């Protein structure tokens, strides 16, 4: 039996796995959830011997659609999750906060790690971390997983994680449906860790893992909830999930606009400068010819 878990959740390619290895020791258990071939990594946490870290697969969005997203949702439903650490891309705050808006509804203590903030600064992106902390009600830590910057602060922040503020209220019709579903779930099948409102939002979005968990509950709960969802979708012309996702994105955009600034004095990273050169109207052709000549010399002359 595993000890309480700290779950790392975030979009693909935001540095979750690098951060995972920074926060854990050398011993890692790689396991699969039944019915999937998606691997998850599990290891003891350096900052707390009584807990372990679980590196969940990257999610493009929630409710879940892909196998990776389903495994992440299954971990949220089944693991004894003590803290949820969302790893976000500091260069794309709006996209990060769109996921935060849904995770906040689950009622779990959270920490937001804004990774790759060095790249954000190089692009002229300056984040008001204190304003973001105040708006979300949770610790927010700027990190650079590749260099280890911010790891000590993140370890301390996990110890002081808090349940986040709700980022938005949906329109009145959706809120009325959510209230009914939430009350039904609360009375018939309260989850030991996740908030009933978060489960209701996932169910309205046709999340298969949330539906599977609700199907295992007594008293025909799933059938009653499905009838309520179908009725709400008929009133929305079958676009209920899309409208809720759009409202989350709009709320994320408003918050990111308040907490994000741009600096004109940013110094581009070398990779950025090279990227600019290779698409430059004048420099791109000489660079292409030089690369082709170098490949010819290496393969056709040296290799031969």
C-alpha atoms as a PDB file:
ATOM      1  CA  UNK A   1       0.000   0.000   0.000  1.00  0.00           C
ATOM      2  CA  UNK A   2       1.428   3.346  -1.053  1.00  0.00           C
ATOM      3  CA  UNK A   3       1.730   6.314   1.290  1.00  0.00           C
ATOM      4  CA  UNK A   4      -0.143   9.577   0.594  1.00  0.00           C
ATOM      5  CA  UNK A   5       0.696  10.977  -2.824  1.00  0.00           C
ATOM      6  CA  UNK A   6       1.747  14.328  -4.207  1.00  0.00           C
ATOM      7  CA  UNK A   7       0.517  14.364  -7.802  1.00  0.00           C
ATOM      8  CA  UNK A   8       2.301  16.312 -10.533  1.00  0.00           C
ATOM      9  CA  UNK A   9      -0.204  17.401 -13.183  1.00  0.00           C
ATOM     10  CA  UNK A  10       0.284  19.614 -16.229  1.00  0.00           C
ATOM     11  CA  UNK A  11       0.336  19.994 -19.978  1.00  0.00           C
ATOM     12  CA  UNK A  12       2.857  17.989 -22.042  1.00  0.00           C
ATOM     13  CA  UNK A  13       6.371  19.415 -22.402  1.00  0.00           C
ATOM     14  CA  UNK A  14       6.289  21.737 -19.396  1.00  0.00           C
ATOM     15  CA  UNK A  15       9.164  19.997 -17.568  1.00  0.00           C
ATOM     16  CA  UNK A  16       7.144  17.742 -15.268  1.00  0.00           C
ATOM     17  CA  UNK A  17       9.474  14.776 -15.554  1.00  0.00           C
ATOM     18  CA  UNK A  18      12.598  16.874 -14.945  1.00  0.00           C
ATOM     19  CA  UNK A  19      10.949  18.466 -11.931  1.00  0.00           C
ATOM     20  CA  UNK A  20       9.893  15.007 -10.728  1.00  0.00           C
ATOM     21  CA  UNK A  21      13.490  13.812 -10.737  1.00  0.00           C
ATOM     22  CA  UNK A  22      14.614  16.965  -8.928  1.00  0.00           C
ATOM     23  CA  UNK A  23      12.130  16.333  -6.128  1.00  0.00           C
ATOM     24  CA  UNK A  24      12.710  12.590  -5.689  1.00  0.00           C
ATOM     25  CA  UNK A  25      15.526  10.202  -4.958  1.00  0.00           C
ATOM     26  CA  UNK A  26      17.034   7.677  -7.344  1.00  0.00           C
ATOM     27  CA  UNK A  27      14.572   4.845  -6.758  1.00  0.00           C
ATOM     28  CA  UNK A  28      11.566   4.987  -9.106  1.00  0.00           C
ATOM     29  CA  UNK A  29       8.639   2.590  -9.514  1.00  0.00           C
ATOM     30  CA  UNK A  30       7.165   2.599 -13.011  1.00  0.00           C
ATOM     31  CA  UNK A  31       3.664   1.121 -13.113  1.00  0.00           C
ATOM     32  CA  UNK A  32       0.574   0.913 -15.281  1.00  0.00           C
ATOM     33  CA  UNK A  33      -3.048   1.409 -14.380  1.00  0.00           C
ATOM     34  CA  UNK A  34      -5.207  -1.576 -15.366  1.00  0.00           C
ATOM     35  CA  UNK A  35      -6.465  -1.409 -18.929  1.00  0.00           C
ATOM     36  CA  UNK A  36      -3.820   1.035 -20.185  1.00  0.00           C
ATOM     37  CA  UNK A  37      -0.278   0.979 -21.510  1.00  0.00           C
ATOM     38  CA  UNK A  38       0.536   4.465 -20.188  1.00  0.00           C
ATOM     39  CA  UNK A  39       3.341   4.441 -17.660  1.00  0.00           C
ATOM     40  CA  UNK A  40       3.450   6.558 -14.524  1.00  0.00           C
ATOM     41  CA  UNK A  41       6.510   7.155 -12.368  1.00  0.00           C
ATOM     42  CA  UNK A  42       6.359   6.951  -8.597  1.00  0.00           C
ATOM     43  CA  UNK A  43       9.130   7.665  -6.095  1.00  0.00           C
ATOM     44  CA  UNK A  44       9.715   8.778  -2.517  1.00  0.00           C
ATOM     45  CA  UNK A  45       9.736  12.538  -2.011  1.00  0.00           C
ATOM     46  CA  UNK A  46      12.959  14.118  -0.824  1.00  0.00           C
ATOM     47  CA  UNK A  47      11.132  16.921   0.979  1.00  0.00           C
ATOM     48  CA  UNK A  48       8.855  14.537   2.958  1.00  0.00           C
ATOM     49  CA  UNK A  49       9.766  10.894   3.734  1.00  0.00           C
ATOM     50  CA  UNK A  50       6.105  10.184   4.595  1.00  0.00           C
ATOM     51  CA  UNK A  51       4.907  10.944   1.047  1.00  0.00           C
ATOM     52  CA  UNK A  52       5.665   9.888  -2.504  1.00  0.00           C
ATOM     53  CA  UNK A  53       5.523  11.741  -5.789  1.00  0.00           C
ATOM     54  CA  UNK A  54       3.484  10.558  -8.758  1.00  0.00           C
ATOM     55  CA  UNK A  55       4.372  11.940 -12.190  1.00  0.00           C
ATOM     56  CA  UNK A  56       1.134  11.764 -14.177  1.00  0.00           C
ATOM     57  CA  UNK A  57       1.034  11.863 -17.997  1.00  0.00           C
ATOM     58  CA  UNK A  58       0.689  15.239 -19.683  1.00  0.00           C
ATOM     59  CA  UNK A  59      -2.845  16.445 -20.318  1.00  0.00           C
ATOM     60  CA  UNK A  60      -3.861  18.746 -23.141  1.00  0.00           C
ATOM     61  CA  UNK A  61      -7.169  19.477 -21.443  1.00  0.00           C
ATOM     62  CA  UNK A  62      -9.670  18.072 -18.989  1.00  0.00           C
ATOM     63  CA  UNK A  63     -12.229  16.402 -19.117  1.00  0.00           C
ATOM     64  CA  UNK A  64     -10.155  13.507 -20.419  1.00  0.00           C
ATOM     65  CA  UNK A  65     -10.131  12.415 -24.053  1.00  0.00           C
ATOM     66  CA  UNK A  66      -6.816  10.592 -24.664  1.00  0.00           C
ATOM     67  CA  UNK A  67      -5.317   7.612 -22.815  1.00  0.00           C
ATOM     68  CA  UNK A  68      -2.808   9.923 -21.119  1.00  0.00           C
ATOM     69  CA  UNK A  69      -5.572  12.172 -19.836  1.00  0.00           C
ATOM     70  CA  UNK A  70      -7.625   9.198 -18.660  1.00  0.00           C
ATOM     71  CA  UNK A  71      -4.692   7.900 -16.625  1.00  0.00           C
ATOM     72  CA  UNK A  72      -4.261  11.304 -14.999  1.00  0.00           C
ATOM     73  CA  UNK A  73      -7.968  11.420 -14.107  1.00  0.00           C
ATOM     74  CA  UNK A  74      -7.789   7.872 -12.779  1.00  0.00           C
ATOM     75  CA  UNK A  75      -4.899   8.885 -10.540  1.00  0.00           C
ATOM     76  CA  UNK A  76      -6.922  11.827  -9.210  1.00  0.00           C
ATOM     77  CA  UNK A  77      -9.869   9.534  -8.500  1.00  0.00           C
ATOM     78  CA  UNK A  78      -8.012   6.572  -7.041  1.00  0.00           C
ATOM     79  CA  UNK A  79      -4.786   7.798  -5.439  1.00  0.00           C
ATOM     80  CA  UNK A  80      -4.687   8.971  -1.825  1.00  0.00           C
ATOM     81  CA  UNK A  81      -3.773  12.445  -3.058  1.00  0.00           C
ATOM     82  CA  UNK A  82      -2.573  14.824  -0.354  1.00  0.00           C
ATOM     83  CA  UNK A  83      -1.399  17.671  -2.580  1.00  0.00           C
ATOM     84  CA  UNK A  84      -1.806  18.483  -6.261  1.00  0.00           C
ATOM     85  CA  UNK A  85       1.140  20.260  -7.909  1.00  0.00           C
ATOM     86  CA  UNK A  86       0.266  21.783 -11.251  1.00  0.00           C
ATOM     87  CA  UNK A  87       3.363  22.313 -13.375  1.00  0.00           C
ATOM     88  CA  UNK A  88       2.722  25.108 -15.851  1.00  0.00           C
ATOM     89  CA  UNK A  89       4.579  26.861 -18.629  1.00  0.00           C
ATOM     90  CA  UNK A  90       5.526  30.368 -17.486  1.00  0.00           C
ATOM     91  CA  UNK A  91       5.646  31.418 -21.160  1.00  0.00           C
ATOM     92  CA  UNK A  92       1.975  30.563 -21.694  1.00  0.00           C
ATOM     93  CA  UNK A  93       0.109  31.663 -18.577  1.00  0.00           C
ATOM     94  CA  UNK A  94      -3.347  31.695 -20.147  1.00  0.00           C
ATOM     95  CA  UNK A  95      -3.104  28.056 -21.233  1.00  0.00           C
ATOM     96  CA  UNK A  96      -1.813  27.097 -17.796  1.00  0.00           C
ATOM     97  CA  UNK A  97      -4.617  28.902 -15.978  1.00  0.00           C
ATOM     98  CA  UNK A  98      -7.296  27.331 -18.187  1.00  0.00           C
ATOM     99  CA  UNK A  99      -6.272  23.983 -16.674  1.00  0.00           C
ATOM    100  CA  UNK A 100      -5.986  25.555 -13.209  1.00  0.00           C
ATOM    101  CA  UNK A 101      -9.607  26.713 -13.484  1.00  0.00           C
ATOM    102  CA  UNK A 102     -10.790  23.113 -13.688  1.00  0.00           C
ATOM    103  CA  UNK A 103      -8.312  21.627 -11.206  1.00  0.00           C
ATOM    104  CA  UNK A 104      -9.386  24.251  -8.660  1.00  0.00           C
ATOM    105  CA  UNK A 105     -12.906  22.794  -8.713  1.00  0.00           C
ATOM    106  CA  UNK A 106     -11.659  19.428  -7.423  1.00  0.00           C
ATOM    107  CA  UNK A 107     -11.166  20.797  -3.916  1.00  0.00           C
ATOM    108  CA  UNK A 108      -7.634  19.432  -3.419  1.00  0.00           C
ATOM    109  CA  UNK A 109      -4.825  21.435  -1.776  1.00  0.00           C
ATOM    110  CA  UNK A 110      -2.720  22.807  -4.641  1.00  0.00           C
ATOM    111  CA  UNK A 111       0.558  24.440  -5.540  1.00  0.00           C
ATOM    112  CA  UNK A 112       1.255  26.039  -8.917  1.00  0.00           C
ATOM    113  CA  UNK A 113       4.825  25.651 -10.203  1.00  0.00           C
ATOM    114  CA  UNK A 114       5.440  28.007 -13.123  1.00  0.00           C
ATOM    115  CA  UNK A 115       8.347  26.280 -14.816  1.00  0.00           C
ATOM    116  CA  UNK A 116      10.768  27.611 -17.451  1.00  0.00           C
ATOM    117  CA  UNK A 117      10.471  31.130 -16.074  1.00  0.00           C
ATOM    118  CA  UNK A 118      14.000  31.844 -17.378  1.00  0.00           C
ATOM    119  CA  UNK A 119      12.717  31.308 -20.927  1.00  0.00           C
ATOM    120  CA  UNK A 120       9.709  33.491 -20.146  1.00  0.00           C
ATOM    121  CA  UNK A 121      11.985  36.275 -18.925  1.00  0.00           C
ATOM    122  CA  UNK A 122      14.119  35.951 -22.049  1.00  0.00           C
ATOM    123  CA  UNK A 123      10.971  36.510 -24.097  1.00  0.00           C
ATOM    124  CA  UNK A 124      10.143  39.614 -22.108  1.00  0.00           C
ATOM    125  CA  UNK A 125       7.429  37.988 -20.001  1.00  0.00           C
ATOM    126  CA  UNK A 126       7.337  39.209 -16.390  1.00  0.00           C
ATOM    127  CA  UNK A 127       4.888  37.528 -14.014  1.00  0.00           C
ATOM    128  CA  UNK A 128       3.324  39.166 -10.976  1.00  0.00           C
ATOM    129  CA  UNK A 129       3.601  36.075  -8.786  1.00  0.00           C
ATOM    130  CA  UNK A 130       2.180  37.779  -5.691  1.00  0.00           C
ATOM    131  CA  UNK A 131      -0.936  38.930  -7.566  1.00  0.00           C
ATOM    132  CA  UNK A 132      -1.399  35.432  -8.968  1.00  0.00           C
ATOM    133  CA  UNK A 133      -1.043  33.900  -5.497  1.00  0.00           C
ATOM    134  CA  UNK A 134      -3.655  36.279  -4.139  1.00  0.00           C
ATOM    135  CA  UNK A 135      -6.074  35.542  -6.967  1.00  0.00           C
ATOM    136  CA  UNK A 136      -5.697  31.763  -6.740  1.00  0.00           C
ATOM    137  CA  UNK A 137      -5.316  31.506  -2.973  1.00  0.00           C
ATOM    138  CA  UNK A 138      -2.488  28.964  -3.309  1.00  0.00           C
ATOM    139  CA  UNK A 139       1.329  29.082  -3.301  1.00  0.00           C
ATOM    140  CA  UNK A 140       2.811  29.954  -6.697  1.00  0.00           C
ATOM    141  CA  UNK A 141       6.511  29.222  -7.285  1.00  0.00           C
ATOM    142  CA  UNK A 142       8.659  30.189 -10.277  1.00  0.00           C
ATOM    143  CA  UNK A 143      10.989  27.306 -11.185  1.00  0.00           C
ATOM    144  CA  UNK A 144      13.640  26.243 -13.671  1.00  0.00           C
ATOM    145  CA  UNK A 145      13.664  22.461 -13.382  1.00  0.00           C
ATOM    146  CA  UNK A 146      16.707  21.969 -15.625  1.00  0.00           C
ATOM    147  CA  UNK A 147      18.945  24.018 -13.308  1.00  0.00           C
ATOM    148  CA  UNK A 148      17.189  23.240 -10.026  1.00  0.00           C
ATOM    149  CA  UNK A 149      16.158  26.837  -9.446  1.00  0.00           C
ATOM    150  CA  UNK A 150      13.140  27.129  -7.172  1.00  0.00           C
ATOM    151  CA  UNK A 151      13.182  23.489  -6.037  1.00  0.00           C
ATOM    152  CA  UNK A 152      13.744  24.300  -2.352  1.00  0.00           C
ATOM    153  CA  UNK A 153      10.942  26.881  -2.467  1.00  0.00           C
ATOM    154  CA  UNK A 154       8.654  24.376  -4.168  1.00  0.00           C
ATOM    155  CA  UNK A 155       9.337  21.741  -1.510  1.00  0.00           C
ATOM    156  CA  UNK A 156       8.389  24.225   1.208  1.00  0.00           C
ATOM    157  CA  UNK A 157       5.317  25.371  -0.734  1.00  0.00           C
ATOM    158  CA  UNK A 158       4.026  21.801  -0.969  1.00  0.00           C
ATOM    159  CA  UNK A 159       4.014  21.716   2.824  1.00  0.00           C
ATOM    160  CA  UNK A 160       1.764  24.803   2.879  1.00  0.00           C
ATOM    161  CA  UNK A 161      -0.540  23.901  -0.024  1.00  0.00           C
ATOM    162  CA  UNK A 162      -4.101  25.210   0.186  1.00  0.00           C
ATOM    163  CA  UNK A 163      -7.406  24.577  -1.543  1.00  0.00           C
ATOM    164  CA  UNK A 164      -7.580  27.176  -4.356  1.00  0.00           C
ATOM    165  CA  UNK A 165     -10.237  29.795  -4.894  1.00  0.00           C
ATOM    166  CA  UNK A 166     -12.860  29.101  -7.517  1.00  0.00           C
ATOM    167  CA  UNK A 167     -11.769  30.969 -10.655  1.00  0.00           C
ATOM    168  CA  UNK A 168     -15.188  31.427 -12.210  1.00  0.00           C
ATOM    169  CA  UNK A 169     -18.925  30.926 -12.007  1.00  0.00           C
ATOM    170  CA  UNK A 170     -20.547  29.642 -15.174  1.00  0.00           C
ATOM    171  CA  UNK A 171     -23.689  31.264 -16.526  1.00  0.00           C
ATOM    172  CA  UNK A 172     -26.900  30.926 -14.524  1.00  0.00           C
ATOM    173  CA  UNK A 173     -28.326  27.962 -16.444  1.00  0.00           C
ATOM    174  CA  UNK A 174     -25.138  25.924 -16.175  1.00  0.00           C
ATOM    175  CA  UNK A 175     -24.727  26.820 -12.500  1.00  0.00           C
ATOM    176  CA  UNK A 176     -28.270  25.609 -11.798  1.00  0.00           C
ATOM    177  CA  UNK A 177     -27.501  22.272 -13.476  1.00  0.00           C
ATOM    178  CA  UNK A 178     -24.214  22.002 -11.611  1.00  0.00           C
ATOM    179  CA  UNK A 179     -25.931  22.694  -8.290  1.00  0.00           C
ATOM    180  CA  UNK A 180     -28.409  19.872  -8.897  1.00  0.00           C
ATOM    181  CA  UNK A 181     -25.708  17.392  -9.950  1.00  0.00           C
ATOM    182  CA  UNK A 182     -23.463  18.420  -7.059  1.00  0.00           C
ATOM    183  CA  UNK A 183     -26.257  17.875  -4.534  1.00  0.00           C
ATOM    184  CA  UNK A 184     -27.025  14.434  -5.992  1.00  0.00           C
ATOM    185  CA  UNK A 185     -23.382  13.367  -5.849  1.00  0.00           C
ATOM    186  CA  UNK A 186     -22.941  14.772  -2.330  1.00  0.00           C
ATOM    187  CA  UNK A 187     -25.935  12.869  -0.993  1.00  0.00           C
ATOM    188  CA  UNK A 188     -25.435   9.562  -2.810  1.00  0.00           C
ATOM    189  CA  UNK A 189     -21.699   9.115  -3.458  1.00  0.00           C
ATOM    190  CA  UNK A 190     -19.376  11.599  -1.806  1.00  0.00           C
ATOM    191  CA  UNK A 191     -15.808  11.052  -2.983  1.00  0.00           C
ATOM    192  CA  UNK A 192     -13.271  10.727  -0.140  1.00  0.00           C
ATOM    193  CA  UNK A 193     -11.052  13.511  -1.548  1.00  0.00           C
ATOM    194  CA  UNK A 194     -12.532  15.216  -4.611  1.00  0.00           C
ATOM    195  CA  UNK A 195     -15.237  17.864  -4.367  1.00  0.00           C
ATOM    196  CA  UNK A 196     -18.654  16.896  -5.715  1.00  0.00           C
ATOM    197  CA  UNK A 197     -18.766  20.076  -7.826  1.00  0.00           C
ATOM    198  CA  UNK A 198     -15.534  19.080  -9.587  1.00  0.00           C
ATOM    199  CA  UNK A 199     -16.938  15.620 -10.345  1.00  0.00           C
ATOM    200  CA  UNK A 200     -20.128  17.223 -11.663  1.00  0.00           C
ATOM    201  CA  UNK A 201     -18.109  19.471 -14.024  1.00  0.00           C
ATOM    202  CA  UNK A 202     -16.118  16.485 -15.299  1.00  0.00           C
ATOM    203  CA  UNK A 203     -19.314  14.498 -15.808  1.00  0.00           C
ATOM    204  CA  UNK A 204     -20.962  17.343 -17.738  1.00  0.00           C
ATOM    205  CA  UNK A 205     -17.874  17.349 -19.970  1.00  0.00           C
ATOM    206  CA  UNK A 206     -18.344  13.603 -20.689  1.00  0.00           C
ATOM    207  CA  UNK A 207     -15.207  12.544 -18.846  1.00  0.00           C
ATOM    208  CA  UNK A 208     -15.107   8.711 -19.135  1.00  0.00           C
ATOM    209  CA  UNK A 209     -13.215   8.144 -15.874  1.00  0.00           C
ATOM    210  CA  UNK A 210     -15.625  10.285 -13.844  1.00  0.00           C
ATOM    211  CA  UNK A 211     -18.552   8.461 -15.471  1.00  0.00           C
ATOM    212  CA  UNK A 212     -16.941   5.088 -14.685  1.00  0.00           C
ATOM    213  CA  UNK A 213     -16.493   6.029 -11.030  1.00  0.00           C
ATOM    214  CA  UNK A 214     -20.087   7.275 -10.758  1.00  0.00           C
ATOM    215  CA  UNK A 215     -21.346   4.078 -12.428  1.00  0.00           C
ATOM    216  CA  UNK A 216     -19.934   2.095  -9.518  1.00  0.00           C
ATOM    217  CA  UNK A 217     -22.009   4.039  -6.996  1.00  0.00           C
ATOM    218  CA  UNK A 218     -25.375   2.771  -5.690  1.00  0.00           C
ATOM    219  CA  UNK A 219     -29.013   3.809  -6.232  1.00  0.00           C
ATOM    220  CA  UNK A 220     -28.842   4.268 -10.027  1.00  0.00           C
ATOM    221  CA  UNK A 221     -26.912   7.490  -9.600  1.00  0.00           C
ATOM    222  CA  UNK A 222     -25.349   7.459 -13.073  1.00  0.00           C
ATOM    223  CA  UNK A 223     -28.704   7.105 -14.829  1.00  0.00           C
ATOM    224  CA  UNK A 224     -30.176  10.033 -12.886  1.00  0.00           C
ATOM    225  CA  UNK A 225     -27.152  12.235 -13.589  1.00  0.00           C
ATOM    226  CA  UNK A 226     -27.152  11.274 -17.274  1.00  0.00           C
ATOM    227  CA  UNK A 227     -30.782  12.341 -17.591  1.00  0.00           C
ATOM    228  CA  UNK A 228     -29.969  15.738 -16.068  1.00  0.00           C
ATOM    229  CA  UNK A 229     -26.958  16.151 -18.370  1.00  0.00           C
ATOM    230  CA  UNK A 230     -28.922  15.172 -21.471  1.00  0.00           C
ATOM    231  CA  UNK A 231     -31.615  17.702 -20.608  1.00  0.00           C
ATOM    232  CA  UNK A 232     -29.009  20.455 -20.130  1.00  0.00           C
ATOM    233  CA  UNK A 233     -27.355  19.574 -23.446  1.00  0.00           C
ATOM    234  CA  UNK A 234     -30.659  19.704 -25.313  1.00  0.00           C
ATOM    235  CA  UNK A 235     -31.160  23.235 -24.041  1.00  0.00           C
ATOM    236  CA  UNK A 236     -27.651  24.140 -25.268  1.00  0.00           C
ATOM    237  CA  UNK A 237     -27.945  22.469 -28.654  1.00  0.00           C
ATOM    238  CA  UNK A 238     -25.438  19.765 -27.704  1.00  0.00           C
ATOM    239  CA  UNK A 239     -22.612  22.227 -27.039  1.00  0.00           C
ATOM    240  CA  UNK A 240     -22.616  22.326 -23.242  1.00  0.00           C
ATOM    241  CA  UNK A 241     -19.057  21.029 -22.754  1.00  0.00           C
ATOM    242  CA  UNK A 242     -17.685  23.443 -25.365  1.00  0.00           C
ATOM    243  CA  UNK A 243     -19.369  26.446 -23.781  1.00  0.00           C
ATOM    244  CA  UNK A 244     -18.001  25.519 -20.333  1.00  0.00           C
ATOM    245  CA  UNK A 245     -14.487  25.111 -21.748  1.00  0.00           C
ATOM    246  CA  UNK A 246     -14.806  28.488 -23.449  1.00  0.00           C
ATOM    247  CA  UNK A 247     -15.835  30.152 -20.179  1.00  0.00           C
ATOM    248  CA  UNK A 248     -12.812  28.628 -18.415  1.00  0.00           C
ATOM    249  CA  UNK A 249     -10.536  29.901 -21.173  1.00  0.00           C
ATOM    250  CA  UNK A 250     -12.023  33.404 -20.930  1.00  0.00           C
ATOM    251  CA  UNK A 251     -11.576  33.459 -17.151  1.00  0.00           C
ATOM    252  CA  UNK A 252      -7.973  32.295 -17.589  1.00  0.00           C
ATOM    253  CA  UNK A 253      -7.377  35.051 -20.134  1.00  0.00           C
ATOM    254  CA  UNK A 254      -8.676  37.749 -17.796  1.00  0.00           C
ATOM    255  CA  UNK A 255      -6.538  36.555 -14.893  1.00  0.00           C
ATOM    256  CA  UNK A 256      -3.396  36.156 -17.024  1.00  0.00           C
ATOM    257  CA  UNK A 257      -3.850  39.692 -18.364  1.00  0.00           C
ATOM    258  CA  UNK A 258      -3.870  40.995 -14.778  1.00  0.00           C
ATOM    259  CA  UNK A 259      -0.777  39.043 -13.721  1.00  0.00           C
ATOM    260  CA  UNK A 260       1.414  39.237 -16.821  1.00  0.00           C
ATOM    261  CA  UNK A 261       3.619  42.059 -18.047  1.00  0.00           C
ATOM    262  CA  UNK A 262       6.029  42.368 -20.935  1.00  0.00           C
ATOM    263  CA  UNK A 263       9.466  43.940 -20.749  1.00  0.00           C
ATOM    264  CA  UNK A 264      11.116  45.563 -23.753  1.00  0.00           C
ATOM    265  CA  UNK A 265      14.601  44.875 -22.358  1.00  0.00           C
ATOM    266  CA  UNK A 266      14.470  41.110 -22.622  1.00  0.00           C
ATOM    267  CA  UNK A 267      17.559  39.355 -23.977  1.00  0.00           C
ATOM    268  CA  UNK A 268      16.584  36.516 -26.340  1.00  0.00           C
ATOM    269  CA  UNK A 269      18.025  33.090 -25.638  1.00  0.00           C
ATOM    270  CA  UNK A 270      20.539  31.696 -28.142  1.00  0.00           C
ATOM    271  CA  UNK A 271      17.918  29.201 -29.350  1.00  0.00           C
ATOM    272  CA  UNK A 272      15.508  32.060 -29.989  1.00  0.00           C
ATOM    273  CA  UNK A 273      18.119  34.042 -31.916  1.00  0.00           C
ATOM    274  CA  UNK A 274      18.965  31.023 -34.065  1.00  0.00           C
ATOM    275  CA  UNK A 275      15.250  30.480 -34.676  1.00  0.00           C
ATOM    276  CA  UNK A 276      14.923  34.076 -35.852  1.00  0.00           C
ATOM    277  CA  UNK A 277      17.958  33.791 -38.134  1.00  0.00           C
ATOM    278  CA  UNK A 278      16.806  30.609 -39.907  1.00  0.00           C
ATOM    279  CA  UNK A 279      13.480  32.212 -40.899  1.00  0.00           C
ATOM    280  CA  UNK A 280      14.973  35.594 -41.811  1.00  0.00           C
ATOM    281  CA  UNK A 281      14.305  36.503 -45.497  1.00  0.00           C
ATOM    282  CA  UNK A 282      17.973  37.304 -46.140  1.00  0.00           C
ATOM    283  CA  UNK A 283      19.902  35.001 -43.798  1.00  0.00           C
ATOM    284  CA  UNK A 284      17.818  31.828 -44.125  1.00  0.00           C
ATOM    285  CA  UNK A 285      19.111  30.829 -47.604  1.00  0.00           C
ATOM    286  CA  UNK A 286      22.861  31.165 -46.765  1.00  0.00           C
ATOM    287  CA  UNK A 287      22.263  29.244 -43.540  1.00  0.00           C
ATOM    288  CA  UNK A 288      20.459  26.462 -45.449  1.00  0.00           C
ATOM    289  CA  UNK A 289      23.263  26.237 -48.016  1.00  0.00           C
ATOM    290  CA  UNK A 290      25.864  26.165 -45.245  1.00  0.00           C
ATOM    291  CA  UNK A 291      24.061  23.351 -43.414  1.00  0.00           C
ATOM    292  CA  UNK A 292      23.709  21.308 -46.616  1.00  0.00           C
ATOM    293  CA  UNK A 293      27.411  21.798 -47.415  1.00  0.00           C
ATOM    294  CA  UNK A 294      28.402  20.736 -43.885  1.00  0.00           C
ATOM    295  CA  UNK A 295      26.250  17.582 -44.188  1.00  0.00           C
ATOM    296  CA  UNK A 296      27.831  16.803 -47.574  1.00  0.00           C
ATOM    297  CA  UNK A 297      31.332  17.220 -46.164  1.00  0.00           C
ATOM    298  CA  UNK A 298      30.553  15.017 -43.152  1.00  0.00           C
ATOM    299  CA  UNK A 299      28.729  12.232 -45.041  1.00  0.00           C
ATOM    300  CA  UNK A 300      30.130  12.411 -48.556  1.00  0.00           C
ATOM    301  CA  UNK A 301      33.765  13.218 -47.756  1.00  0.00           C
ATOM    302  CA  UNK A 302      34.579  12.293 -44.160  1.00  0.00           C
ATOM    303  CA  UNK A 303      32.119   9.391 -43.941  1.00  0.00           C
ATOM    304  CA  UNK A 304      33.108   7.952 -47.325  1.00  0.00           C
END
